[in-house]
Amino acid sequence: MDDRWRDFPEMDRATLVALRKALDGAYRDFSSDYGAAIEAFFDPLLYFLVWFEKLLLAAPWWLVIAILCGVAWHASRSWKIVLGTAAAFVLIGWFGMWDDTMRTMGIITVCTLISIAAGVPVGIAMARSPRTRAVVTPVLDVMQTMPAFVYLIPVVMLLGIGKVPGVIAVVIYAIPPVIRLTDLGIRLVDRDVLEAADAFGATPWQRLTGVQIPLALPTIMAGINQTIMMALAMVVIASMIGVQGLGQPVLKSITNQYFTLGLLNGLAIVALAIVFDRISQAYGRRMQAHRERLEG
C-alpha cells in the first residue's frame, strides 16, 4: 500500500460486515413481506406484455411488415426508409429470426410506452419547478452512470426472473433521456410565445398542452429516440433474467462459441436499431420543420 494512505481512516471490518448483513437482512425481509403484493401490482403489465407478444407472433409476416412500412412512411415521407424497413424485416425472417425479433419488438415497444408515460410528466414537472429539477437530476445522474448489470440485482431478488423484471430493468436504464430532453424542450420554448398565450387568456393547462408541448415535441422526440436505442442496448443483458428475444441467442452464442448464431442475431438487433432510429429521427425532423413554420 502507498505510504500516503497508511493513516487513512477505514471502517472496522467487523462493523462493515455487520452493516452489510443488516442491509441484506432488511432487503430479504422486505422482499418476503411485500414481494407477493408487488408481483400482483405488476400482473396487468405482464398480461398486456404477453398479449402483445402473442399478437405480434400470430400476425402474418406480410401484415407486420406492411404496418411497419406504413409507420415509416407516415414518419418520414421517404421511400428509402420504407424500402430499407421492408428489406431489413424480410431478411430477418429469411434467416429464421422472425419470432425472436417479434418478442424483442414487443419488449421494446412496451418499455418505450412506459418510459414515455412516466418520463414526460416528470420532465414537465422538472421544467416547471427548479426544486423538482434539483431533486430529480442527481437521481438521473445515478441511473445513467450505474452499470446496467446492477439494475438486475434488486429486481431479480424482489420479483425473480421473467418478463416483468426485465421490463422494469430496461425502463430504469432507458428512461433518463426522455426525462432530460422533455425538461429541456419545455424550458427552450420562446418566452415571447408564452407571453402571447398569457395575453390571450390561456390557462396554465392550455398553455402547456397547446403551446409548450407542441413546440417542445422535436426535442421530446429526440429523447424518445435515445430511449429506444438504450432499450435495445439492454436486450442482451435482460436476456440473462429470462427475457426472450434476440438477446437470448446472442447470450447462447457467447457461452457456447456459436459465432454465426451470435453474428446474425446481433445484426438483427442492429437492423432494429437502425430502423427505429431512422423512423424516429425523420419524425423529429418533420416536427422541427413544422415548428419552424409556426414560429415563422
C-alpha atoms as a PDB file:
ATOM      1  CA  MET A   1       0.000   0.000   0.000  1.00  0.00           C
ATOM      2  CA  ASP A   2       1.142   3.537  -0.756  1.00  0.00           C
ATOM      3  CA  ASP A   3       2.590   5.174   2.395  1.00  0.00           C
ATOM      4  CA  ARG A   4       0.381   8.201   1.847  1.00  0.00           C
ATOM      5  CA  TRP A   5      -2.709   6.103   2.632  1.00  0.00           C
ATOM      6  CA  ARG A   6      -1.430   4.203   5.677  1.00  0.00           C
ATOM      7  CA  ASP A   7      -3.113   6.590   8.114  1.00  0.00           C
ATOM      8  CA  PHE A   8      -6.354   6.891   6.092  1.00  0.00           C
ATOM      9  CA  PRO A   9      -9.285   6.073   8.442  1.00  0.00           C
ATOM     10  CA  GLU A  10     -11.163   2.932   7.423  1.00  0.00           C
ATOM     11  CA  MET A  11     -14.319   1.390   8.783  1.00  0.00           C
ATOM     12  CA  ASP A  12     -13.662  -1.516  11.092  1.00  0.00           C
ATOM     13  CA  ARG A  13     -14.064  -4.799   9.186  1.00  0.00           C
ATOM     14  CA  ALA A  14     -16.462  -6.244  11.751  1.00  0.00           C
ATOM     15  CA  THR A  15     -18.604  -3.109  11.585  1.00  0.00           C
ATOM     16  CA  LEU A  16     -18.641  -3.268   7.789  1.00  0.00           C
ATOM     17  CA  VAL A  17     -19.666  -6.937   7.798  1.00  0.00           C
ATOM     18  CA  ALA A  18     -22.405  -6.220  10.345  1.00  0.00           C
ATOM     19  CA  LEU A  19     -23.696  -3.319   8.258  1.00  0.00           C
ATOM     20  CA  ARG A  20     -23.812  -5.458   5.124  1.00  0.00           C
ATOM     21  CA  LYS A  21     -25.624  -8.245   6.924  1.00  0.00           C
ATOM     22  CA  ALA A  22     -28.138  -5.777   8.335  1.00  0.00           C
ATOM     23  CA  LEU A  23     -28.862  -4.300   4.901  1.00  0.00           C
ATOM     24  CA  ASP A  24     -29.102  -7.746   3.276  1.00  0.00           C
ATOM     25  CA  GLY A  25     -31.435  -8.942   6.000  1.00  0.00           C
ATOM     26  CA  ALA A  26     -33.610  -5.856   5.712  1.00  0.00           C
ATOM     27  CA  TYR A  27     -33.927  -6.332   1.948  1.00  0.00           C
ATOM     28  CA  ARG A  28     -34.770 -10.042   2.346  1.00  0.00           C
ATOM     29  CA  ASP A  29     -37.427  -9.167   4.930  1.00  0.00           C
ATOM     30  CA  PHE A  30     -38.865  -6.521   2.621  1.00  0.00           C
ATOM     31  CA  SER A  31     -38.892  -8.991  -0.269  1.00  0.00           C
ATOM     32  CA  SER A  32     -40.640 -11.705   1.738  1.00  0.00           C
ATOM     33  CA  ASP A  33     -43.191  -9.307   3.227  1.00  0.00           C
ATOM     34  CA  TYR A  34     -44.084  -7.295   0.138  1.00  0.00           C
ATOM     35  CA  GLY A  35     -42.812  -9.346  -2.817  1.00  0.00           C
ATOM     36  CA  ALA A  36     -46.162 -11.019  -3.479  1.00  0.00           C
ATOM     37  CA  ALA A  37     -48.028  -7.709  -3.353  1.00  0.00           C
ATOM     38  CA  ILE A  38     -45.536  -6.097  -5.731  1.00  0.00           C
ATOM     39  CA  GLU A  39     -45.868  -9.034  -8.154  1.00  0.00           C
ATOM     40  CA  ALA A  40     -49.660  -8.682  -8.038  1.00  0.00           C
ATOM     41  CA  PHE A  41     -49.299  -4.959  -8.767  1.00  0.00           C
ATOM     42  CA  PHE A  42     -47.376  -5.751 -11.958  1.00  0.00           C
ATOM     43  CA  ASP A  43     -49.755  -8.515 -13.122  1.00  0.00           C
ATOM     44  CA  PRO A  44     -51.639  -6.182 -15.539  1.00  0.00           C
ATOM     45  CA  LEU A  45     -48.319  -5.257 -17.146  1.00  0.00           C
ATOM     46  CA  LEU A  46     -47.454  -8.949 -17.534  1.00  0.00           C
ATOM     47  CA  TYR A  47     -50.845  -9.728 -19.083  1.00  0.00           C
ATOM     48  CA  PHE A  48     -50.522  -6.855 -21.550  1.00  0.00           C
ATOM     49  CA  LEU A  49     -46.965  -7.824 -22.466  1.00  0.00           C
ATOM     50  CA  VAL A  50     -47.912 -11.472 -23.049  1.00  0.00           C
ATOM     51  CA  TRP A  51     -50.968 -10.419 -25.097  1.00  0.00           C
ATOM     52  CA  PHE A  52     -48.960  -8.020 -27.242  1.00  0.00           C
ATOM     53  CA  GLU A  53     -46.211 -10.574 -27.816  1.00  0.00           C
ATOM     54  CA  LYS A  54     -48.752 -13.234 -28.867  1.00  0.00           C
ATOM     55  CA  LEU A  55     -50.376 -10.683 -31.185  1.00  0.00           C
ATOM     56  CA  LEU A  56     -47.072  -9.993 -32.940  1.00  0.00           C
ATOM     57  CA  LEU A  57     -46.245 -13.694 -33.210  1.00  0.00           C
ATOM     58  CA  ALA A  58     -49.696 -14.619 -34.540  1.00  0.00           C
ATOM     59  CA  ALA A  59     -49.893 -11.790 -37.086  1.00  0.00           C
ATOM     60  CA  PRO A  60     -48.908 -12.698 -40.673  1.00  0.00           C
ATOM     61  CA  TRP A  61     -45.394 -11.565 -41.509  1.00  0.00           C
ATOM     62  CA  TRP A  62     -46.563  -9.549 -44.506  1.00  0.00           C
ATOM     63  CA  LEU A  63     -49.073  -7.658 -42.351  1.00  0.00           C
ATOM     64  CA  VAL A  64     -46.417  -6.768 -39.755  1.00  0.00           C
ATOM     65  CA  ILE A  65     -44.062  -5.538 -42.477  1.00  0.00           C
ATOM     66  CA  ALA A  66     -46.877  -3.563 -44.127  1.00  0.00           C
ATOM     67  CA  ILE A  67     -47.736  -1.843 -40.836  1.00  0.00           C
ATOM     68  CA  LEU A  68     -44.093  -1.032 -40.140  1.00  0.00           C
ATOM     69  CA  CYS A  69     -43.672   0.366 -43.644  1.00  0.00           C
ATOM     70  CA  GLY A  70     -46.825   2.446 -43.139  1.00  0.00           C
ATOM     71  CA  VAL A  71     -45.393   3.851 -39.903  1.00  0.00           C
ATOM     72  CA  ALA A  72     -42.083   4.551 -41.671  1.00  0.00           C
ATOM     73  CA  TRP A  73     -43.867   6.405 -44.481  1.00  0.00           C
ATOM     74  CA  HIS A  74     -46.032   8.408 -42.086  1.00  0.00           C
ATOM     75  CA  ALA A  75     -42.973   9.452 -40.083  1.00  0.00           C
ATOM     76  CA  SER A  76     -40.503  10.147 -42.874  1.00  0.00           C
ATOM     77  CA  ARG A  77     -42.314  10.501 -46.227  1.00  0.00           C
ATOM     78  CA  SER A  78     -39.214   8.784 -47.612  1.00  0.00           C
ATOM     79  CA  TRP A  79     -39.316   5.740 -49.880  1.00  0.00           C
ATOM     80  CA  LYS A  80     -35.713   4.959 -48.979  1.00  0.00           C
ATOM     81  CA  ILE A  81     -36.622   4.450 -45.311  1.00  0.00           C
ATOM     82  CA  VAL A  82     -39.732   2.463 -46.274  1.00  0.00           C
ATOM     83  CA  LEU A  83     -37.790   0.151 -48.583  1.00  0.00           C
ATOM     84  CA  GLY A  84     -34.996  -0.184 -46.019  1.00  0.00           C
ATOM     85  CA  THR A  85     -37.532  -1.163 -43.344  1.00  0.00           C
ATOM     86  CA  ALA A  86     -39.116  -3.770 -45.615  1.00  0.00           C
ATOM     87  CA  ALA A  87     -35.745  -5.197 -46.665  1.00  0.00           C
ATOM     88  CA  ALA A  88     -34.496  -5.429 -43.066  1.00  0.00           C
ATOM     89  CA  PHE A  89     -37.517  -7.380 -41.854  1.00  0.00           C
ATOM     90  CA  VAL A  90     -37.644  -9.637 -44.914  1.00  0.00           C
ATOM     91  CA  LEU A  91     -34.006 -10.590 -44.293  1.00  0.00           C
ATOM     92  CA  ILE A  92     -34.712 -11.133 -40.589  1.00  0.00           C
ATOM     93  CA  GLY A  93     -37.500 -13.554 -41.488  1.00  0.00           C
ATOM     94  CA  TRP A  94     -35.451 -15.239 -44.212  1.00  0.00           C
ATOM     95  CA  PHE A  95     -32.650 -16.021 -41.745  1.00  0.00           C
ATOM     96  CA  GLY A  96     -35.121 -17.568 -39.288  1.00  0.00           C
ATOM     97  CA  MET A  97     -35.094 -14.858 -36.613  1.00  0.00           C
ATOM     98  CA  TRP A  98     -38.671 -13.640 -37.012  1.00  0.00           C
ATOM     99  CA  ASP A  99     -40.114 -14.950 -33.724  1.00  0.00           C
ATOM    100  CA  ASP A 100     -37.241 -13.646 -31.602  1.00  0.00           C
ATOM    101  CA  THR A 101     -37.453 -10.293 -33.385  1.00  0.00           C
ATOM    102  CA  MET A 102     -41.181 -10.023 -32.648  1.00  0.00           C
ATOM    103  CA  ARG A 103     -40.543 -10.812 -28.973  1.00  0.00           C
ATOM    104  CA  THR A 104     -37.844  -8.137 -28.862  1.00  0.00           C
ATOM    105  CA  MET A 105     -40.141  -5.642 -30.578  1.00  0.00           C
ATOM    106  CA  GLY A 106     -42.845  -6.408 -28.023  1.00  0.00           C
ATOM    107  CA  ILE A 107     -40.491  -5.752 -25.105  1.00  0.00           C
ATOM    108  CA  ILE A 108     -39.043  -2.591 -26.677  1.00  0.00           C
ATOM    109  CA  THR A 109     -42.478  -1.207 -27.553  1.00  0.00           C
ATOM    110  CA  VAL A 110     -43.854  -1.760 -24.054  1.00  0.00           C
ATOM    111  CA  CYS A 111     -40.723  -0.341 -22.417  1.00  0.00           C
ATOM    112  CA  THR A 112     -40.815   2.710 -24.664  1.00  0.00           C
ATOM    113  CA  LEU A 113     -44.509   3.355 -23.923  1.00  0.00           C
ATOM    114  CA  ILE A 114     -43.884   3.049 -20.172  1.00  0.00           C
ATOM    115  CA  SER A 115     -40.863   5.352 -20.434  1.00  0.00           C
ATOM    116  CA  ILE A 116     -42.897   7.959 -22.312  1.00  0.00           C
ATOM    117  CA  ALA A 117     -45.869   7.702 -19.931  1.00  0.00           C
ATOM    118  CA  ALA A 118     -43.634   8.056 -16.865  1.00  0.00           C
ATOM    119  CA  GLY A 119     -40.834  10.220 -18.257  1.00  0.00           C
ATOM    120  CA  VAL A 120     -42.727  13.029 -19.995  1.00  0.00           C
ATOM    121  CA  PRO A 121     -44.710  14.086 -16.868  1.00  0.00           C
ATOM    122  CA  VAL A 122     -41.516  14.016 -14.789  1.00  0.00           C
ATOM    123  CA  GLY A 123     -39.737  16.127 -17.410  1.00  0.00           C
ATOM    124  CA  ILE A 124     -42.623  18.610 -17.431  1.00  0.00           C
ATOM    125  CA  ALA A 125     -42.528  18.801 -13.632  1.00  0.00           C
ATOM    126  CA  MET A 126     -38.763  19.463 -13.783  1.00  0.00           C
ATOM    127  CA  ALA A 127     -39.268  22.252 -16.313  1.00  0.00           C
ATOM    128  CA  ARG A 128     -41.949  23.911 -14.186  1.00  0.00           C
ATOM    129  CA  SER A 129     -40.198  23.578 -10.815  1.00  0.00           C
ATOM    130  CA  PRO A 130     -36.486  24.234 -10.148  1.00  0.00           C
ATOM    131  CA  ARG A 131     -36.876  22.408  -6.837  1.00  0.00           C
ATOM    132  CA  THR A 132     -38.114  19.284  -8.623  1.00  0.00           C
ATOM    133  CA  ARG A 133     -35.224  19.544 -11.089  1.00  0.00           C
ATOM    134  CA  ALA A 134     -32.742  19.801  -8.221  1.00  0.00           C
ATOM    135  CA  VAL A 135     -34.151  16.596  -6.694  1.00  0.00           C
ATOM    136  CA  VAL A 136     -34.566  14.550  -9.884  1.00  0.00           C
ATOM    137  CA  THR A 137     -31.307  15.480 -11.650  1.00  0.00           C
ATOM    138  CA  PRO A 138     -28.995  13.622  -9.215  1.00  0.00           C
ATOM    139  CA  VAL A 139     -31.251  10.566  -9.478  1.00  0.00           C
ATOM    140  CA  LEU A 140     -30.959  10.656 -13.269  1.00  0.00           C
ATOM    141  CA  ASP A 141     -27.182  11.038 -12.974  1.00  0.00           C
ATOM    142  CA  VAL A 142     -27.025   7.872 -10.872  1.00  0.00           C
ATOM    143  CA  MET A 143     -29.348   5.998 -13.249  1.00  0.00           C
ATOM    144  CA  GLN A 144     -27.201   6.890 -16.261  1.00  0.00           C
ATOM    145  CA  THR A 145     -23.847   6.078 -14.684  1.00  0.00           C
ATOM    146  CA  MET A 146     -24.819   2.896 -12.829  1.00  0.00           C
ATOM    147  CA  PRO A 147     -23.618  -0.260 -14.645  1.00  0.00           C
ATOM    148  CA  ALA A 148     -26.525  -1.989 -16.378  1.00  0.00           C
ATOM    149  CA  PHE A 149     -25.947  -5.262 -14.537  1.00  0.00           C
ATOM    150  CA  VAL A 150     -26.550  -3.576 -11.187  1.00  0.00           C
ATOM    151  CA  TYR A 151     -30.192  -2.883 -12.117  1.00  0.00           C
ATOM    152  CA  LEU A 152     -30.810  -6.610 -12.323  1.00  0.00           C
ATOM    153  CA  ILE A 153     -29.795  -7.378  -8.726  1.00  0.00           C
ATOM    154  CA  PRO A 154     -32.636  -5.786  -6.699  1.00  0.00           C
ATOM    155  CA  VAL A 155     -35.253  -6.506  -9.374  1.00  0.00           C
ATOM    156  CA  VAL A 156     -34.412 -10.210  -9.586  1.00  0.00           C
ATOM    157  CA  MET A 157     -34.184 -10.547  -5.790  1.00  0.00           C
ATOM    158  CA  LEU A 158     -37.618  -8.976  -5.468  1.00  0.00           C
ATOM    159  CA  LEU A 159     -39.511 -10.421  -8.445  1.00  0.00           C
ATOM    160  CA  GLY A 160     -37.414 -13.353  -9.618  1.00  0.00           C
ATOM    161  CA  ILE A 161     -36.685 -13.919 -13.301  1.00  0.00           C
ATOM    162  CA  GLY A 162     -39.118 -13.318 -16.141  1.00  0.00           C
ATOM    163  CA  LYS A 163     -40.615 -10.680 -18.374  1.00  0.00           C
ATOM    164  CA  VAL A 164     -41.701  -8.122 -15.773  1.00  0.00           C
ATOM    165  CA  PRO A 165     -38.295  -7.840 -14.030  1.00  0.00           C
ATOM    166  CA  GLY A 166     -36.735  -7.471 -17.477  1.00  0.00           C
ATOM    167  CA  VAL A 167     -39.142  -4.694 -18.412  1.00  0.00           C
ATOM    168  CA  ILE A 168     -38.502  -2.858 -15.130  1.00  0.00           C
ATOM    169  CA  ALA A 169     -34.733  -3.098 -15.573  1.00  0.00           C
ATOM    170  CA  VAL A 170     -34.925  -1.889 -19.179  1.00  0.00           C
ATOM    171  CA  VAL A 171     -37.207   1.038 -18.259  1.00  0.00           C
ATOM    172  CA  ILE A 172     -34.906   2.153 -15.419  1.00  0.00           C
ATOM    173  CA  TYR A 173     -31.952   2.031 -17.793  1.00  0.00           C
ATOM    174  CA  ALA A 174     -33.675   3.732 -20.731  1.00  0.00           C
ATOM    175  CA  ILE A 175     -35.932   6.397 -19.191  1.00  0.00           C
ATOM    176  CA  PRO A 176     -33.410   9.185 -18.330  1.00  0.00           C
ATOM    177  CA  PRO A 177     -33.077  10.616 -21.890  1.00  0.00           C
ATOM    178  CA  VAL A 178     -36.801  11.199 -22.349  1.00  0.00           C
ATOM    179  CA  ILE A 179     -36.994  12.902 -18.936  1.00  0.00           C
ATOM    180  CA  ARG A 180     -33.999  15.155 -19.570  1.00  0.00           C
ATOM    181  CA  LEU A 181     -34.988  16.161 -23.089  1.00  0.00           C
ATOM    182  CA  THR A 182     -38.609  16.786 -22.132  1.00  0.00           C
ATOM    183  CA  ASP A 183     -37.355  19.129 -19.423  1.00  0.00           C
ATOM    184  CA  LEU A 184     -35.011  20.798 -21.918  1.00  0.00           C
ATOM    185  CA  GLY A 185     -37.647  21.109 -24.640  1.00  0.00           C
ATOM    186  CA  ILE A 186     -40.211  22.733 -22.331  1.00  0.00           C
ATOM    187  CA  ARG A 187     -37.641  25.207 -20.995  1.00  0.00           C
ATOM    188  CA  LEU A 188     -36.459  26.151 -24.504  1.00  0.00           C
ATOM    189  CA  VAL A 189     -39.883  27.365 -25.627  1.00  0.00           C
ATOM    190  CA  ASP A 190     -39.619  31.030 -26.521  1.00  0.00           C
ATOM    191  CA  ARG A 191     -40.732  33.255 -23.659  1.00  0.00           C
ATOM    192  CA  ASP A 192     -42.392  35.665 -26.105  1.00  0.00           C
ATOM    193  CA  VAL A 193     -44.677  32.857 -27.288  1.00  0.00           C
ATOM    194  CA  LEU A 194     -45.660  32.104 -23.692  1.00  0.00           C
ATOM    195  CA  GLU A 195     -46.375  35.769 -23.027  1.00  0.00           C
ATOM    196  CA  ALA A 196     -48.571  35.870 -26.126  1.00  0.00           C
ATOM    197  CA  ALA A 197     -50.507  32.838 -24.851  1.00  0.00           C
ATOM    198  CA  ASP A 198     -50.968  34.552 -21.489  1.00  0.00           C
ATOM    199  CA  ALA A 199     -52.138  37.692 -23.251  1.00  0.00           C
ATOM    200  CA  PHE A 200     -54.887  35.675 -24.965  1.00  0.00           C
ATOM    201  CA  GLY A 201     -56.053  34.431 -21.562  1.00  0.00           C
ATOM    202  CA  ALA A 202     -54.743  30.873 -21.770  1.00  0.00           C
ATOM    203  CA  THR A 203     -54.843  28.877 -18.552  1.00  0.00           C
ATOM    204  CA  PRO A 204     -51.664  27.133 -17.378  1.00  0.00           C
ATOM    205  CA  TRP A 205     -53.036  23.804 -18.691  1.00  0.00           C
ATOM    206  CA  GLN A 206     -53.942  25.333 -22.060  1.00  0.00           C
ATOM    207  CA  ARG A 207     -50.509  26.936 -22.290  1.00  0.00           C
ATOM    208  CA  LEU A 208     -48.839  23.603 -21.527  1.00  0.00           C
ATOM    209  CA  THR A 209     -50.882  21.427 -23.897  1.00  0.00           C
ATOM    210  CA  GLY A 210     -51.454  23.975 -26.648  1.00  0.00           C
ATOM    211  CA  VAL A 211     -48.112  25.801 -26.753  1.00  0.00           C
ATOM    212  CA  GLN A 212     -45.272  24.292 -24.743  1.00  0.00           C
ATOM    213  CA  ILE A 213     -45.669  20.590 -25.551  1.00  0.00           C
ATOM    214  CA  PRO A 214     -46.276  21.100 -29.315  1.00  0.00           C
ATOM    215  CA  LEU A 215     -43.241  23.378 -29.607  1.00  0.00           C
ATOM    216  CA  ALA A 216     -41.119  21.033 -27.467  1.00  0.00           C
ATOM    217  CA  LEU A 217     -42.106  17.886 -29.412  1.00  0.00           C
ATOM    218  CA  PRO A 218     -38.984  17.813 -31.643  1.00  0.00           C
ATOM    219  CA  THR A 219     -36.766  17.775 -28.553  1.00  0.00           C
ATOM    220  CA  ILE A 220     -39.023  15.247 -26.831  1.00  0.00           C
ATOM    221  CA  MET A 221     -38.802  13.024 -29.920  1.00  0.00           C
ATOM    222  CA  ALA A 222     -35.012  13.162 -29.675  1.00  0.00           C
ATOM    223  CA  GLY A 223     -35.346  11.879 -26.115  1.00  0.00           C
ATOM    224  CA  ILE A 224     -37.683   9.091 -27.240  1.00  0.00           C
ATOM    225  CA  ASN A 225     -35.167   8.165 -29.938  1.00  0.00           C
ATOM    226  CA  GLN A 226     -32.412   7.829 -27.339  1.00  0.00           C
ATOM    227  CA  THR A 227     -34.713   5.848 -25.045  1.00  0.00           C
ATOM    228  CA  ILE A 228     -35.407   3.327 -27.817  1.00  0.00           C
ATOM    229  CA  MET A 229     -31.694   2.963 -28.541  1.00  0.00           C
ATOM    230  CA  MET A 230     -30.865   2.410 -24.875  1.00  0.00           C
ATOM    231  CA  ALA A 231     -33.694  -0.122 -24.523  1.00  0.00           C
ATOM    232  CA  LEU A 232     -32.307  -2.077 -27.464  1.00  0.00           C
ATOM    233  CA  ALA A 233     -28.836  -1.939 -25.912  1.00  0.00           C
ATOM    234  CA  MET A 234     -30.288  -3.571 -22.783  1.00  0.00           C
ATOM    235  CA  VAL A 235     -31.803  -6.511 -24.703  1.00  0.00           C
ATOM    236  CA  VAL A 236     -28.823  -8.850 -24.335  1.00  0.00           C
ATOM    237  CA  ILE A 237     -28.357  -8.046 -20.642  1.00  0.00           C
ATOM    238  CA  ALA A 238     -32.086  -8.521 -19.933  1.00  0.00           C
ATOM    239  CA  SER A 239     -31.897 -11.970 -21.568  1.00  0.00           C
ATOM    240  CA  MET A 240     -29.876 -13.096 -18.521  1.00  0.00           C
ATOM    241  CA  ILE A 241     -33.031 -12.915 -16.402  1.00  0.00           C
ATOM    242  CA  GLY A 242     -35.302 -14.773 -18.791  1.00  0.00           C
ATOM    243  CA  VAL A 243     -36.413 -12.092 -21.258  1.00  0.00           C
ATOM    244  CA  GLN A 244     -36.971 -13.875 -24.555  1.00  0.00           C
ATOM    245  CA  GLY A 245     -35.935 -12.327 -27.831  1.00  0.00           C
ATOM    246  CA  LEU A 246     -32.822 -11.673 -29.850  1.00  0.00           C
ATOM    247  CA  GLY A 247     -30.713 -11.347 -26.719  1.00  0.00           C
ATOM    248  CA  GLN A 248     -31.003 -14.997 -25.713  1.00  0.00           C
ATOM    249  CA  PRO A 249     -29.384 -16.402 -28.905  1.00  0.00           C
ATOM    250  CA  VAL A 250     -26.583 -13.847 -28.515  1.00  0.00           C
ATOM    251  CA  LEU A 251     -26.063 -14.961 -24.919  1.00  0.00           C
ATOM    252  CA  LYS A 252     -26.155 -18.595 -26.026  1.00  0.00           C
ATOM    253  CA  SER A 253     -23.574 -17.914 -28.715  1.00  0.00           C
ATOM    254  CA  ILE A 254     -21.245 -16.334 -26.152  1.00  0.00           C
ATOM    255  CA  THR A 255     -21.442 -19.274 -23.757  1.00  0.00           C
ATOM    256  CA  ASN A 256     -21.197 -21.947 -26.479  1.00  0.00           C
ATOM    257  CA  GLN A 257     -18.988 -20.147 -29.032  1.00  0.00           C
ATOM    258  CA  TYR A 258     -21.617 -20.211 -31.803  1.00  0.00           C
ATOM    259  CA  PHE A 259     -20.130 -17.453 -33.915  1.00  0.00           C
ATOM    260  CA  THR A 260     -22.735 -17.432 -36.706  1.00  0.00           C
ATOM    261  CA  LEU A 261     -25.691 -17.502 -34.294  1.00  0.00           C
ATOM    262  CA  GLY A 262     -24.346 -14.531 -32.366  1.00  0.00           C
ATOM    263  CA  LEU A 263     -23.424 -12.615 -35.505  1.00  0.00           C
ATOM    264  CA  LEU A 264     -26.817 -12.992 -37.188  1.00  0.00           C
ATOM    265  CA  ASN A 265     -28.841 -12.130 -34.075  1.00  0.00           C
ATOM    266  CA  GLY A 266     -26.507  -9.237 -33.310  1.00  0.00           C
ATOM    267  CA  LEU A 267     -27.038  -7.918 -36.833  1.00  0.00           C
ATOM    268  CA  ALA A 268     -30.797  -8.274 -36.343  1.00  0.00           C
ATOM    269  CA  ILE A 269     -30.556  -6.077 -33.229  1.00  0.00           C
ATOM    270  CA  VAL A 270     -28.517  -3.573 -35.242  1.00  0.00           C
ATOM    271  CA  ALA A 271     -31.147  -3.638 -38.012  1.00  0.00           C
ATOM    272  CA  LEU A 272     -33.913  -2.927 -35.484  1.00  0.00           C
ATOM    273  CA  ALA A 273     -31.877  -0.088 -34.006  1.00  0.00           C
ATOM    274  CA  ILE A 274     -31.244   1.470 -37.425  1.00  0.00           C
ATOM    275  CA  VAL A 275     -34.898   1.189 -38.488  1.00  0.00           C
ATOM    276  CA  PHE A 276     -36.238   2.678 -35.252  1.00  0.00           C
ATOM    277  CA  ASP A 277     -33.554   5.376 -35.270  1.00  0.00           C
ATOM    278  CA  ARG A 278     -34.286   6.456 -38.838  1.00  0.00           C
ATOM    279  CA  ILE A 279     -38.052   6.499 -38.284  1.00  0.00           C
ATOM    280  CA  SER A 280     -37.918   8.454 -35.018  1.00  0.00           C
ATOM    281  CA  GLN A 281     -35.302  10.896 -36.341  1.00  0.00           C
ATOM    282  CA  ALA A 282     -37.297  11.515 -39.510  1.00  0.00           C
ATOM    283  CA  TYR A 283     -40.427  12.151 -37.452  1.00  0.00           C
ATOM    284  CA  GLY A 284     -38.477  14.555 -35.239  1.00  0.00           C
ATOM    285  CA  ARG A 285     -37.194  16.446 -38.292  1.00  0.00           C
ATOM    286  CA  ARG A 286     -40.728  16.770 -39.665  1.00  0.00           C
ATOM    287  CA  MET A 287     -41.914  18.149 -36.342  1.00  0.00           C
ATOM    288  CA  GLN A 288     -38.978  20.551 -36.230  1.00  0.00           C
ATOM    289  CA  ALA A 289     -39.843  21.834 -39.709  1.00  0.00           C
ATOM    290  CA  HIS A 290     -43.479  22.232 -38.629  1.00  0.00           C
ATOM    291  CA  ARG A 291     -42.362  24.132 -35.532  1.00  0.00           C
ATOM    292  CA  GLU A 292     -40.222  26.488 -37.609  1.00  0.00           C
ATOM    293  CA  ARG A 293     -43.177  27.176 -39.901  1.00  0.00           C
ATOM    294  CA  LEU A 294     -45.335  28.007 -36.883  1.00  0.00           C
ATOM    295  CA  GLU A 295     -42.709  30.317 -35.407  1.00  0.00           C
ATOM    296  CA  GLY A 296     -42.098  31.901 -38.798  1.00  0.00           C
END
